[in-house]
Amino acid sequence: MGIRNTFRKIKSWIKNNPTEFWILAAILLVGAFFRIFKIDQYMTFLGDEGRDVILVRRIFTELHPPLIGPGTSVGGMYLGPLYYYLMAIPLLIAGFSPVGPAVMVALLGVTTIAFIWWITRLWFGKLAGIIAATLYAISPTAIIFSHSSWNPNIMPFFALLSMYSIWKVWSQENTNWLPILGISLAFTLQSHYLGLLIIPTLIIFWLLALKKFRKKKLSK
């Protein structure tokens, strides 16, 4: 029922906002073209990417699951291994070719364009959503980093999802978003240590949500 209702809402939204839908579709097509076209020729494949492919390949060939992730530029600090498991299936589907995980990152980049549109539209209006999505779709930096399988490249999507999840918990008092918040935050923190920068914002909104929950409980 939930999926049916979602499709009904999407269909209804398209019917009521045809111009915005086609503009968004064009933005996504442009973003997808820049990220996926000839990705096997434009992707970066250097030391970090090669190391990741070797480690993930061992999950299948040697049944050797990694328990720690990539090292960071901070001495002696390692990230978690979630990114390795995220790229495992695309790597297997691609026959252990590094193009598989690169395509996964590119598709996640396209999804991020849509997510930026949705969040910006929700918080700042239709025009702001279209402008933000357009700028991200054609951003040279975002395009370059969407061309290759590298753990920091997934951070924009999961950081946005973390922020959106805590906002849902706070604004709608919807605790069903807490598991999504936990998963997305885990991916954010394990993609790069700079993911720690969103922690203060999440804590503030969490405290505001707790305050809201307590007020509601006391008013009953």
N, C-alpha and C. Protein backbone atom coordinates (compact mmCIF):
# COMPACT_ATOMS: atom_id res chain seq x y z
N MET A 1 0.83 -1.21 0.00
CA MET A 1 0.00 0.00 0.00
C MET A 1 0.86 1.26 0.00
N GLY A 2 1.94 1.26 0.78
CA GLY A 2 2.81 2.42 0.87
C GLY A 2 3.42 2.77 -0.48
N ILE A 3 3.87 1.75 -1.23
CA ILE A 3 4.48 1.98 -2.54
C ILE A 3 3.44 2.50 -3.52
N ARG A 4 2.23 1.91 -3.47
CA ARG A 4 1.15 2.37 -4.36
C ARG A 4 0.81 3.83 -4.10
N ASN A 5 0.70 4.18 -2.83
CA ASN A 5 0.40 5.56 -2.48
C ASN A 5 1.48 6.51 -2.96
N THR A 6 2.74 6.06 -2.84
CA THR A 6 3.85 6.89 -3.30
C THR A 6 3.77 7.14 -4.79
N PHE A 7 3.49 6.08 -5.57
CA PHE A 7 3.36 6.23 -7.02
C PHE A 7 2.18 7.12 -7.38
N ARG A 8 1.08 6.98 -6.62
CA ARG A 8 -0.08 7.85 -6.87
C ARG A 8 0.27 9.31 -6.65
N LYS A 9 1.01 9.56 -5.56
CA LYS A 9 1.40 10.94 -5.24
C LYS A 9 2.32 11.51 -6.32
N ILE A 10 3.26 10.67 -6.80
CA ILE A 10 4.18 11.12 -7.85
C ILE A 10 3.41 11.43 -9.13
N LYS A 11 2.48 10.53 -9.48
CA LYS A 11 1.67 10.72 -10.68
C LYS A 11 0.84 11.99 -10.58
N SER A 12 0.26 12.20 -9.40
CA SER A 12 -0.56 13.40 -9.17
C SER A 12 0.30 14.66 -9.24
N TRP A 13 1.51 14.58 -8.67
CA TRP A 13 2.40 15.74 -8.69
C TRP A 13 2.80 16.09 -10.12
N ILE A 14 3.12 15.08 -10.93
CA ILE A 14 3.49 15.32 -12.33
C ILE A 14 2.35 15.97 -13.09
N LYS A 15 1.13 15.50 -12.81
CA LYS A 15 -0.06 16.04 -13.47
C LYS A 15 -0.28 17.50 -13.11
N ASN A 16 -0.01 17.84 -11.85
CA ASN A 16 -0.24 19.20 -11.37
C ASN A 16 0.94 20.15 -11.63
N ASN A 17 2.13 19.56 -11.89
CA ASN A 17 3.32 20.39 -12.11
C ASN A 17 4.09 19.93 -13.36
N PRO A 18 3.43 19.93 -14.53
CA PRO A 18 4.09 19.38 -15.72
C PRO A 18 5.35 20.15 -16.14
N THR A 19 5.30 21.47 -16.04
CA THR A 19 6.47 22.27 -16.46
C THR A 19 7.67 21.99 -15.57
N GLU A 20 7.45 21.99 -14.26
CA GLU A 20 8.53 21.72 -13.32
C GLU A 20 9.08 20.31 -13.52
N PHE A 21 8.19 19.36 -13.80
CA PHE A 21 8.62 17.97 -14.02
C PHE A 21 9.56 17.87 -15.21
N TRP A 22 9.19 18.51 -16.32
CA TRP A 22 10.02 18.40 -17.53
C TRP A 22 11.34 19.15 -17.37
N ILE A 23 11.32 20.24 -16.64
CA ILE A 23 12.58 20.95 -16.36
C ILE A 23 13.50 20.06 -15.51
N LEU A 24 12.91 19.44 -14.48
CA LEU A 24 13.69 18.54 -13.62
C LEU A 24 14.22 17.36 -14.42
N ALA A 25 13.38 16.78 -15.29
CA ALA A 25 13.80 15.65 -16.11
C ALA A 25 14.99 16.04 -17.00
N ALA A 26 14.93 17.25 -17.56
CA ALA A 26 16.03 17.73 -18.41
C ALA A 26 17.31 17.90 -17.60
N ILE A 27 17.18 18.44 -16.39
CA ILE A 27 18.34 18.62 -15.51
C ILE A 27 18.97 17.27 -15.18
N LEU A 28 18.13 16.29 -14.87
CA LEU A 28 18.64 14.96 -14.52
C LEU A 28 19.31 14.29 -15.72
N LEU A 29 18.74 14.48 -16.91
CA LEU A 29 19.34 13.90 -18.12
C LEU A 29 20.71 14.52 -18.40
N VAL A 30 20.80 15.83 -18.25
CA VAL A 30 22.09 16.52 -18.44
C VAL A 30 23.10 16.04 -17.40
N GLY A 31 22.65 15.96 -16.14
CA GLY A 31 23.53 15.49 -15.07
C GLY A 31 24.00 14.06 -15.30
N ALA A 32 23.08 13.21 -15.77
CA ALA A 32 23.42 11.81 -16.04
C ALA A 32 24.41 11.71 -17.20
N PHE A 33 24.19 12.52 -18.23
CA PHE A 33 25.09 12.51 -19.39
C PHE A 33 26.52 12.87 -18.98
N PHE A 34 26.66 13.95 -18.22
CA PHE A 34 27.99 14.39 -17.80
C PHE A 34 28.69 13.37 -16.89
N ARG A 35 27.91 12.59 -16.17
CA ARG A 35 28.50 11.66 -15.20
C ARG A 35 28.74 10.26 -15.77
N ILE A 36 27.91 9.83 -16.71
CA ILE A 36 27.96 8.44 -17.16
C ILE A 36 28.57 8.28 -18.56
N PHE A 37 28.45 9.29 -19.41
CA PHE A 37 28.94 9.17 -20.79
C PHE A 37 30.44 8.86 -20.81
N LYS A 38 30.80 7.76 -21.45
CA LYS A 38 32.19 7.32 -21.57
C LYS A 38 32.90 7.28 -20.22
N ILE A 39 32.20 6.80 -19.21
CA ILE A 39 32.77 6.79 -17.86
C ILE A 39 34.00 5.89 -17.77
N ASP A 40 34.05 4.86 -18.62
CA ASP A 40 35.21 3.97 -18.60
C ASP A 40 36.48 4.68 -19.08
N GLN A 41 36.31 5.77 -19.83
CA GLN A 41 37.46 6.52 -20.33
C GLN A 41 37.83 7.70 -19.43
N TYR A 42 36.81 8.25 -18.77
CA TYR A 42 37.03 9.45 -17.96
C TYR A 42 37.26 9.15 -16.48
N MET A 43 36.94 7.96 -16.03
CA MET A 43 37.05 7.64 -14.61
C MET A 43 38.50 7.68 -14.13
N THR A 44 38.66 8.02 -12.86
CA THR A 44 39.99 8.00 -12.24
C THR A 44 40.24 6.62 -11.65
N PHE A 45 41.40 6.06 -11.93
CA PHE A 45 41.75 4.76 -11.35
C PHE A 45 43.22 4.79 -10.96
N LEU A 46 43.46 5.22 -9.73
CA LEU A 46 44.82 5.34 -9.21
C LEU A 46 45.01 4.41 -8.02
N GLY A 47 45.92 4.75 -7.13
CA GLY A 47 46.26 3.86 -6.03
C GLY A 47 45.11 3.52 -5.10
N ASP A 48 44.36 4.54 -4.66
CA ASP A 48 43.25 4.30 -3.73
C ASP A 48 42.17 3.43 -4.36
N GLU A 49 41.83 3.76 -5.63
CA GLU A 49 40.79 3.00 -6.31
C GLU A 49 41.22 1.55 -6.54
N GLY A 50 42.48 1.36 -6.92
CA GLY A 50 43.00 0.00 -7.13
C GLY A 50 43.00 -0.81 -5.85
N ARG A 51 43.42 -0.19 -4.76
CA ARG A 51 43.41 -0.86 -3.45
C ARG A 51 42.01 -1.33 -3.08
N ASP A 52 41.02 -0.44 -3.29
CA ASP A 52 39.64 -0.79 -2.93
C ASP A 52 39.13 -1.98 -3.74
N VAL A 53 39.42 -1.98 -5.04
CA VAL A 53 38.97 -3.08 -5.90
C VAL A 53 39.60 -4.40 -5.45
N ILE A 54 40.88 -4.39 -5.13
CA ILE A 54 41.57 -5.61 -4.68
C ILE A 54 40.95 -6.14 -3.39
N LEU A 55 40.71 -5.23 -2.44
CA LEU A 55 40.15 -5.65 -1.14
C LEU A 55 38.73 -6.19 -1.29
N VAL A 56 37.93 -5.53 -2.11
CA VAL A 56 36.54 -5.97 -2.28
C VAL A 56 36.49 -7.27 -3.08
N ARG A 57 37.38 -7.43 -4.04
CA ARG A 57 37.43 -8.67 -4.82
C ARG A 57 37.70 -9.86 -3.91
N ARG A 58 38.49 -9.66 -2.87
CA ARG A 58 38.82 -10.75 -1.95
C ARG A 58 37.60 -11.23 -1.16
N ILE A 59 36.58 -10.38 -1.05
CA ILE A 59 35.35 -10.82 -0.37
C ILE A 59 34.77 -12.04 -1.09
N PHE A 60 34.85 -12.03 -2.42
CA PHE A 60 34.27 -13.11 -3.22
C PHE A 60 35.27 -14.22 -3.54
N THR A 61 36.51 -13.85 -3.83
CA THR A 61 37.48 -14.86 -4.26
C THR A 61 38.15 -15.60 -3.10
N GLU A 62 38.29 -14.92 -1.96
CA GLU A 62 38.96 -15.54 -0.81
C GLU A 62 38.08 -15.60 0.43
N LEU A 63 36.81 -15.15 0.28
CA LEU A 63 35.88 -15.09 1.42
C LEU A 63 36.53 -14.36 2.59
N HIS A 64 37.10 -13.21 2.27
CA HIS A 64 37.84 -12.42 3.25
C HIS A 64 37.18 -11.05 3.41
N PRO A 65 36.17 -10.94 4.27
CA PRO A 65 35.48 -9.65 4.44
C PRO A 65 36.34 -8.66 5.22
N PRO A 66 36.48 -7.44 4.72
CA PRO A 66 37.29 -6.44 5.43
C PRO A 66 36.58 -5.94 6.68
N LEU A 67 37.33 -5.75 7.73
CA LEU A 67 36.76 -5.28 9.00
C LEU A 67 37.09 -3.82 9.27
N ILE A 68 38.04 -3.27 8.53
CA ILE A 68 38.32 -1.84 8.61
C ILE A 68 38.33 -1.27 7.20
N GLY A 69 38.10 0.03 7.11
CA GLY A 69 38.06 0.68 5.81
C GLY A 69 39.38 1.32 5.44
N PRO A 70 39.34 2.26 4.50
CA PRO A 70 40.56 2.92 4.05
C PRO A 70 41.21 3.75 5.15
N GLY A 71 42.51 3.91 5.05
CA GLY A 71 43.21 4.81 5.96
C GLY A 71 42.95 6.25 5.57
N THR A 72 43.12 7.16 6.50
CA THR A 72 42.92 8.58 6.23
C THR A 72 44.25 9.30 6.23
N SER A 73 44.19 10.58 5.88
CA SER A 73 45.41 11.40 5.89
C SER A 73 45.84 11.73 7.31
N VAL A 74 44.94 11.47 8.28
CA VAL A 74 45.28 11.63 9.69
C VAL A 74 45.98 10.35 10.13
N GLY A 75 47.18 10.44 10.60
CA GLY A 75 47.99 9.27 10.91
C GLY A 75 47.32 8.27 11.84
N GLY A 76 47.32 7.00 11.44
CA GLY A 76 46.81 5.93 12.28
C GLY A 76 45.30 5.86 12.39
N MET A 77 44.58 6.65 11.60
CA MET A 77 43.12 6.66 11.68
C MET A 77 42.55 5.97 10.44
N TYR A 78 41.63 5.02 10.69
CA TYR A 78 40.99 4.29 9.60
C TYR A 78 39.49 4.52 9.63
N LEU A 79 38.90 4.55 8.45
CA LEU A 79 37.45 4.64 8.35
C LEU A 79 36.85 3.24 8.49
N GLY A 80 35.53 3.17 8.59
CA GLY A 80 34.86 1.87 8.63
C GLY A 80 34.78 1.27 7.24
N PRO A 81 34.38 -0.01 7.13
CA PRO A 81 34.41 -0.70 5.85
C PRO A 81 33.11 -0.63 5.04
N LEU A 82 32.14 0.21 5.45
CA LEU A 82 30.84 0.21 4.77
C LEU A 82 30.96 0.46 3.27
N TYR A 83 31.86 1.34 2.86
CA TYR A 83 31.97 1.63 1.44
C TYR A 83 32.40 0.40 0.65
N TYR A 84 33.25 -0.43 1.23
CA TYR A 84 33.67 -1.65 0.55
C TYR A 84 32.47 -2.55 0.26
N TYR A 85 31.57 -2.66 1.22
CA TYR A 85 30.40 -3.52 1.03
C TYR A 85 29.40 -2.89 0.07
N LEU A 86 29.36 -1.56 0.03
CA LEU A 86 28.48 -0.87 -0.91
C LEU A 86 28.92 -1.11 -2.35
N MET A 87 30.22 -1.15 -2.59
CA MET A 87 30.73 -1.33 -3.95
C MET A 87 30.87 -2.80 -4.34
N ALA A 88 30.60 -3.72 -3.41
CA ALA A 88 30.83 -5.15 -3.68
C ALA A 88 29.94 -5.68 -4.80
N ILE A 89 28.63 -5.44 -4.72
CA ILE A 89 27.71 -5.98 -5.74
C ILE A 89 27.97 -5.36 -7.11
N PRO A 90 28.11 -4.03 -7.23
CA PRO A 90 28.44 -3.47 -8.55
C PRO A 90 29.74 -4.04 -9.13
N LEU A 91 30.72 -4.28 -8.27
CA LEU A 91 31.99 -4.85 -8.74
C LEU A 91 31.78 -6.27 -9.25
N LEU A 92 30.98 -7.05 -8.53
CA LEU A 92 30.69 -8.43 -8.95
C LEU A 92 29.92 -8.45 -10.26
N ILE A 93 28.90 -7.59 -10.38
CA ILE A 93 28.09 -7.53 -11.60
C ILE A 93 28.95 -7.16 -12.81
N ALA A 94 29.94 -6.29 -12.58
CA ALA A 94 30.81 -5.84 -13.68
C ALA A 94 31.96 -6.81 -13.96
N GLY A 95 31.92 -7.99 -13.33
CA GLY A 95 32.98 -8.96 -13.56
C GLY A 95 34.31 -8.51 -12.99
N PHE A 96 34.25 -7.86 -11.82
CA PHE A 96 35.43 -7.33 -11.12
C PHE A 96 36.13 -6.21 -11.88
N SER A 97 35.38 -5.57 -12.77
CA SER A 97 35.90 -4.39 -13.45
C SER A 97 35.63 -3.16 -12.58
N PRO A 98 36.58 -2.26 -12.44
CA PRO A 98 36.37 -1.05 -11.63
C PRO A 98 35.31 -0.11 -12.20
N VAL A 99 34.89 -0.38 -13.43
CA VAL A 99 33.84 0.46 -14.03
C VAL A 99 32.52 0.28 -13.28
N GLY A 100 32.28 -0.93 -12.76
CA GLY A 100 31.03 -1.20 -12.04
C GLY A 100 30.80 -0.27 -10.86
N PRO A 101 31.74 -0.21 -9.90
CA PRO A 101 31.58 0.73 -8.78
C PRO A 101 31.56 2.19 -9.23
N ALA A 102 32.29 2.51 -10.30
CA ALA A 102 32.29 3.90 -10.80
C ALA A 102 30.90 4.28 -11.30
N VAL A 103 30.23 3.36 -11.97
CA VAL A 103 28.85 3.61 -12.43
C VAL A 103 27.92 3.77 -11.24
N MET A 104 28.13 2.97 -10.20
CA MET A 104 27.32 3.10 -8.98
C MET A 104 27.45 4.51 -8.39
N VAL A 105 28.68 5.01 -8.31
CA VAL A 105 28.91 6.35 -7.77
C VAL A 105 28.27 7.41 -8.67
N ALA A 106 28.37 7.21 -9.99
CA ALA A 106 27.76 8.15 -10.93
C ALA A 106 26.25 8.19 -10.77
N LEU A 107 25.62 7.02 -10.64
CA LEU A 107 24.16 6.97 -10.45
C LEU A 107 23.76 7.60 -9.12
N LEU A 108 24.59 7.40 -8.11
CA LEU A 108 24.33 8.03 -6.82
C LEU A 108 24.45 9.55 -6.95
N GLY A 109 25.36 9.99 -7.82
CA GLY A 109 25.50 11.42 -8.09
C GLY A 109 24.26 11.99 -8.75
N VAL A 110 23.67 11.25 -9.68
CA VAL A 110 22.43 11.68 -10.34
C VAL A 110 21.29 11.73 -9.33
N THR A 111 21.24 10.72 -8.46
CA THR A 111 20.22 10.71 -7.40
C THR A 111 20.39 11.91 -6.48
N THR A 112 21.63 12.30 -6.23
CA THR A 112 21.90 13.46 -5.38
C THR A 112 21.35 14.74 -6.00
N ILE A 113 21.40 14.85 -7.32
CA ILE A 113 20.82 16.01 -8.01
C ILE A 113 19.33 16.11 -7.68
N ALA A 114 18.63 14.97 -7.82
CA ALA A 114 17.19 14.95 -7.53
C ALA A 114 16.92 15.25 -6.06
N PHE A 115 17.78 14.74 -5.20
CA PHE A 115 17.61 14.95 -3.75
C PHE A 115 17.82 16.43 -3.39
N ILE A 116 18.82 17.05 -4.01
CA ILE A 116 19.07 18.47 -3.78
C ILE A 116 17.86 19.29 -4.23
N TRP A 117 17.31 18.94 -5.39
CA TRP A 117 16.09 19.63 -5.86
C TRP A 117 14.97 19.50 -4.85
N TRP A 118 14.74 18.28 -4.37
CA TRP A 118 13.62 18.03 -3.47
C TRP A 118 13.78 18.79 -2.15
N ILE A 119 14.95 18.69 -1.54
CA ILE A 119 15.17 19.34 -0.25
C ILE A 119 15.11 20.86 -0.38
N THR A 120 15.77 21.39 -1.41
CA THR A 120 15.78 22.85 -1.60
C THR A 120 14.38 23.36 -1.91
N ARG A 121 13.65 22.62 -2.72
CA ARG A 121 12.26 23.00 -3.04
C ARG A 121 11.41 23.02 -1.78
N LEU A 122 11.60 22.02 -0.95
CA LEU A 122 10.82 21.88 0.27
C LEU A 122 11.09 23.02 1.24
N TRP A 123 12.35 23.41 1.34
CA TRP A 123 12.74 24.43 2.33
C TRP A 123 12.72 25.86 1.80
N PHE A 124 12.96 26.02 0.48
CA PHE A 124 13.13 27.39 -0.04
C PHE A 124 12.26 27.71 -1.26
N GLY A 125 11.51 26.74 -1.78
CA GLY A 125 10.61 27.02 -2.89
C GLY A 125 11.05 26.41 -4.22
N LYS A 126 10.13 26.46 -5.20
CA LYS A 126 10.33 25.80 -6.49
C LYS A 126 11.55 26.34 -7.25
N LEU A 127 11.63 27.66 -7.37
CA LEU A 127 12.71 28.25 -8.15
C LEU A 127 14.07 27.92 -7.55
N ALA A 128 14.17 28.00 -6.24
CA ALA A 128 15.43 27.68 -5.56
C ALA A 128 15.82 26.22 -5.81
N GLY A 129 14.83 25.33 -5.80
CA GLY A 129 15.09 23.91 -6.05
C GLY A 129 15.65 23.67 -7.44
N ILE A 130 15.06 24.32 -8.44
CA ILE A 130 15.53 24.17 -9.82
C ILE A 130 16.94 24.73 -9.98
N ILE A 131 17.19 25.90 -9.40
CA ILE A 131 18.51 26.52 -9.51
C ILE A 131 19.58 25.66 -8.83
N ALA A 132 19.28 25.18 -7.62
CA ALA A 132 20.25 24.35 -6.88
C ALA A 132 20.56 23.06 -7.63
N ALA A 133 19.52 22.41 -8.16
CA ALA A 133 19.72 21.16 -8.90
C ALA A 133 20.53 21.40 -10.17
N THR A 134 20.25 22.50 -10.86
CA THR A 134 20.98 22.83 -12.09
C THR A 134 22.46 23.07 -11.80
N LEU A 135 22.74 23.85 -10.77
CA LEU A 135 24.13 24.16 -10.42
C LEU A 135 24.90 22.89 -10.05
N TYR A 136 24.26 21.99 -9.31
CA TYR A 136 24.94 20.75 -8.93
C TYR A 136 25.11 19.83 -10.14
N ALA A 137 24.12 19.81 -11.02
CA ALA A 137 24.18 18.93 -12.19
C ALA A 137 25.33 19.29 -13.11
N ILE A 138 25.64 20.59 -13.23
CA ILE A 138 26.69 21.02 -14.17
C ILE A 138 27.98 21.43 -13.46
N SER A 139 28.04 21.23 -12.14
CA SER A 139 29.25 21.58 -11.39
C SER A 139 30.43 20.72 -11.84
N PRO A 140 31.50 21.31 -12.36
CA PRO A 140 32.65 20.51 -12.81
C PRO A 140 33.24 19.65 -11.70
N THR A 141 33.31 20.20 -10.49
CA THR A 141 33.87 19.43 -9.37
C THR A 141 33.01 18.21 -9.05
N ALA A 142 31.69 18.43 -8.98
CA ALA A 142 30.78 17.32 -8.69
C ALA A 142 30.84 16.26 -9.78
N ILE A 143 30.96 16.70 -11.03
CA ILE A 143 31.02 15.77 -12.16
C ILE A 143 32.30 14.94 -12.09
N ILE A 144 33.43 15.59 -11.86
CA ILE A 144 34.72 14.89 -11.79
C ILE A 144 34.70 13.83 -10.69
N PHE A 145 34.17 14.20 -9.52
CA PHE A 145 34.17 13.26 -8.40
C PHE A 145 33.08 12.19 -8.54
N SER A 146 32.17 12.36 -9.50
CA SER A 146 31.16 11.32 -9.76
C SER A 146 31.65 10.31 -10.79
N HIS A 147 32.86 10.52 -11.30
CA HIS A 147 33.38 9.66 -12.36
C HIS A 147 34.11 8.43 -11.84
N SER A 148 34.39 8.39 -10.55
CA SER A 148 35.22 7.29 -10.06
C SER A 148 34.73 6.75 -8.73
N SER A 149 35.10 5.54 -8.45
CA SER A 149 34.73 4.87 -7.20
C SER A 149 35.76 5.21 -6.13
N TRP A 150 35.39 6.15 -5.28
CA TRP A 150 36.27 6.58 -4.19
C TRP A 150 35.38 6.91 -3.01
N ASN A 151 35.73 6.45 -1.83
CA ASN A 151 34.81 6.54 -0.69
C ASN A 151 34.27 7.95 -0.40
N PRO A 152 35.05 9.05 -0.51
CA PRO A 152 34.47 10.37 -0.22
C PRO A 152 33.38 10.79 -1.21
N ASN A 153 33.35 10.16 -2.39
CA ASN A 153 32.42 10.61 -3.43
C ASN A 153 30.96 10.32 -3.11
N ILE A 154 30.70 9.44 -2.14
CA ILE A 154 29.32 9.13 -1.78
C ILE A 154 28.81 10.04 -0.66
N MET A 155 29.70 10.85 -0.10
CA MET A 155 29.32 11.66 1.07
C MET A 155 28.18 12.64 0.80
N PRO A 156 28.15 13.37 -0.33
CA PRO A 156 27.06 14.33 -0.51
C PRO A 156 25.67 13.73 -0.35
N PHE A 157 25.45 12.55 -0.96
CA PHE A 157 24.13 11.93 -0.86
C PHE A 157 23.79 11.55 0.57
N PHE A 158 24.70 10.87 1.25
CA PHE A 158 24.39 10.38 2.59
C PHE A 158 24.37 11.51 3.62
N ALA A 159 25.16 12.55 3.42
CA ALA A 159 25.10 13.71 4.32
C ALA A 159 23.75 14.41 4.18
N LEU A 160 23.28 14.56 2.94
CA LEU A 160 21.96 15.15 2.71
C LEU A 160 20.86 14.30 3.33
N LEU A 161 20.99 12.98 3.18
CA LEU A 161 19.98 12.08 3.74
C LEU A 161 19.97 12.17 5.26
N SER A 162 21.13 12.31 5.86
CA SER A 162 21.21 12.48 7.32
C SER A 162 20.49 13.74 7.76
N MET A 163 20.76 14.85 7.07
CA MET A 163 20.13 16.12 7.41
C MET A 163 18.62 16.07 7.20
N TYR A 164 18.20 15.45 6.11
CA TYR A 164 16.76 15.34 5.83
C TYR A 164 16.08 14.47 6.88
N SER A 165 16.74 13.40 7.29
CA SER A 165 16.15 12.48 8.27
C SER A 165 15.94 13.16 9.62
N ILE A 166 16.97 13.88 10.10
CA ILE A 166 16.81 14.55 11.40
C ILE A 166 15.78 15.66 11.30
N TRP A 167 15.67 16.28 10.14
CA TRP A 167 14.64 17.31 9.94
C TRP A 167 13.25 16.70 10.02
N LYS A 168 13.08 15.51 9.44
CA LYS A 168 11.78 14.81 9.51
C LYS A 168 11.45 14.44 10.95
N VAL A 169 12.45 13.99 11.69
CA VAL A 169 12.24 13.63 13.10
C VAL A 169 11.80 14.87 13.88
N TRP A 170 12.47 15.99 13.62
CA TRP A 170 12.17 17.22 14.37
C TRP A 170 10.86 17.87 13.93
N SER A 171 10.69 18.06 12.62
CA SER A 171 9.55 18.84 12.13
C SER A 171 8.23 18.07 12.19
N GLN A 172 8.29 16.76 11.95
CA GLN A 172 7.06 15.96 11.90
C GLN A 172 6.93 14.99 13.07
N GLU A 173 7.91 15.04 13.97
CA GLU A 173 7.93 14.12 15.12
C GLU A 173 7.78 12.67 14.66
N ASN A 174 8.48 12.37 13.57
CA ASN A 174 8.39 11.06 12.94
C ASN A 174 9.63 10.23 13.28
N THR A 175 9.51 9.40 14.29
CA THR A 175 10.66 8.61 14.74
C THR A 175 10.99 7.45 13.80
N ASN A 176 10.12 7.20 12.81
CA ASN A 176 10.42 6.16 11.82
C ASN A 176 11.66 6.49 11.00
N TRP A 177 12.05 7.76 11.02
CA TRP A 177 13.23 8.19 10.26
C TRP A 177 14.53 7.97 11.02
N LEU A 178 14.45 7.56 12.28
CA LEU A 178 15.67 7.37 13.06
C LEU A 178 16.58 6.27 12.51
N PRO A 179 16.03 5.10 12.09
CA PRO A 179 16.91 4.09 11.49
C PRO A 179 17.60 4.59 10.22
N ILE A 180 16.85 5.36 9.40
CA ILE A 180 17.44 5.92 8.18
C ILE A 180 18.54 6.91 8.54
N LEU A 181 18.28 7.69 9.59
CA LEU A 181 19.30 8.63 10.08
C LEU A 181 20.56 7.89 10.50
N GLY A 182 20.39 6.80 11.25
CA GLY A 182 21.54 6.03 11.72
C GLY A 182 22.36 5.45 10.59
N ILE A 183 21.66 4.86 9.60
CA ILE A 183 22.36 4.24 8.46
C ILE A 183 23.07 5.30 7.61
N SER A 184 22.36 6.38 7.31
CA SER A 184 22.96 7.43 6.46
C SER A 184 24.13 8.11 7.16
N LEU A 185 24.01 8.31 8.47
CA LEU A 185 25.12 8.92 9.22
C LEU A 185 26.33 7.99 9.25
N ALA A 186 26.08 6.68 9.38
CA ALA A 186 27.18 5.71 9.37
C ALA A 186 27.94 5.77 8.04
N PHE A 187 27.20 5.84 6.93
CA PHE A 187 27.86 5.94 5.62
C PHE A 187 28.61 7.27 5.48
N THR A 188 28.01 8.34 6.01
CA THR A 188 28.67 9.65 5.94
C THR A 188 30.00 9.63 6.68
N LEU A 189 29.98 9.13 7.90
CA LEU A 189 31.19 9.12 8.73
C LEU A 189 32.24 8.16 8.19
N GLN A 190 31.79 7.10 7.52
CA GLN A 190 32.75 6.13 6.99
C GLN A 190 33.19 6.44 5.56
N SER A 191 32.67 7.52 5.00
CA SER A 191 33.13 7.93 3.67
C SER A 191 34.32 8.88 3.78
N HIS A 192 34.31 9.73 4.82
CA HIS A 192 35.44 10.65 5.05
C HIS A 192 35.30 11.24 6.44
N TYR A 193 36.43 11.50 7.08
CA TYR A 193 36.35 12.01 8.46
C TYR A 193 35.74 13.41 8.52
N LEU A 194 35.69 14.14 7.40
CA LEU A 194 35.04 15.45 7.39
C LEU A 194 33.53 15.35 7.58
N GLY A 195 33.02 14.12 7.48
CA GLY A 195 31.61 13.90 7.79
C GLY A 195 31.27 14.27 9.23
N LEU A 196 32.29 14.32 10.07
CA LEU A 196 32.09 14.72 11.47
C LEU A 196 31.53 16.14 11.59
N LEU A 197 31.71 16.94 10.55
CA LEU A 197 31.26 18.33 10.59
C LEU A 197 29.74 18.47 10.68
N ILE A 198 29.00 17.44 10.28
CA ILE A 198 27.54 17.56 10.36
C ILE A 198 27.01 17.17 11.74
N ILE A 199 27.88 16.58 12.57
CA ILE A 199 27.44 16.13 13.90
C ILE A 199 26.83 17.26 14.74
N PRO A 200 27.46 18.44 14.84
CA PRO A 200 26.86 19.50 15.66
C PRO A 200 25.44 19.87 15.23
N THR A 201 25.22 19.96 13.92
CA THR A 201 23.88 20.28 13.42
C THR A 201 22.88 19.19 13.79
N LEU A 202 23.29 17.94 13.63
CA LEU A 202 22.40 16.83 13.98
C LEU A 202 22.08 16.84 15.47
N ILE A 203 23.06 17.15 16.30
CA ILE A 203 22.84 17.19 17.75
C ILE A 203 21.84 18.30 18.11
N ILE A 204 22.00 19.47 17.48
CA ILE A 204 21.08 20.58 17.75
C ILE A 204 19.64 20.20 17.41
N PHE A 205 19.45 19.62 16.23
CA PHE A 205 18.09 19.23 15.82
C PHE A 205 17.56 18.09 16.68
N TRP A 206 18.44 17.21 17.12
CA TRP A 206 18.02 16.11 17.99
C TRP A 206 17.55 16.65 19.34
N LEU A 207 18.26 17.62 19.88
CA LEU A 207 17.86 18.24 21.15
C LEU A 207 16.54 18.99 21.00
N LEU A 208 16.37 19.66 19.87
CA LEU A 208 15.10 20.35 19.60
C LEU A 208 13.95 19.36 19.47
N ALA A 209 14.24 18.21 18.84
CA ALA A 209 13.22 17.17 18.70
C ALA A 209 12.83 16.60 20.06
N LEU A 210 13.84 16.35 20.91
CA LEU A 210 13.56 15.83 22.25
C LEU A 210 12.70 16.81 23.05
N LYS A 211 13.02 18.09 22.92
CA LYS A 211 12.25 19.13 23.61
C LYS A 211 10.80 19.12 23.14
N LYS A 212 10.62 18.94 21.85
CA LYS A 212 9.28 18.88 21.27
C LYS A 212 8.51 17.66 21.77
N PHE A 213 9.20 16.52 21.82
CA PHE A 213 8.57 15.29 22.30
C PHE A 213 8.14 15.43 23.75
N ARG A 214 8.99 16.05 24.57
CA ARG A 214 8.68 16.21 25.99
C ARG A 214 7.49 17.13 26.20
N LYS A 215 7.43 18.21 25.43
CA LYS A 215 6.30 19.13 25.52
C LYS A 215 4.99 18.43 25.17
N LYS A 216 5.06 17.62 24.12
CA LYS A 216 3.87 16.89 23.69
C LYS A 216 3.43 15.90 24.75
N LYS A 217 4.42 15.24 25.38
CA LYS A 217 4.12 14.25 26.42
C LYS A 217 3.51 14.92 27.65
N LEU A 218 4.02 16.09 28.03
CA LEU A 218 3.52 16.80 29.21
C LEU A 218 2.12 17.38 28.98
N SER A 219 1.81 17.69 27.72
CA SER A 219 0.51 18.28 27.41
C SER A 219 -0.62 17.26 27.41
N LYS A 220 -0.26 15.98 27.42
CA LYS A 220 -1.30 14.93 27.40
C LYS A 220 -1.91 14.75 28.79
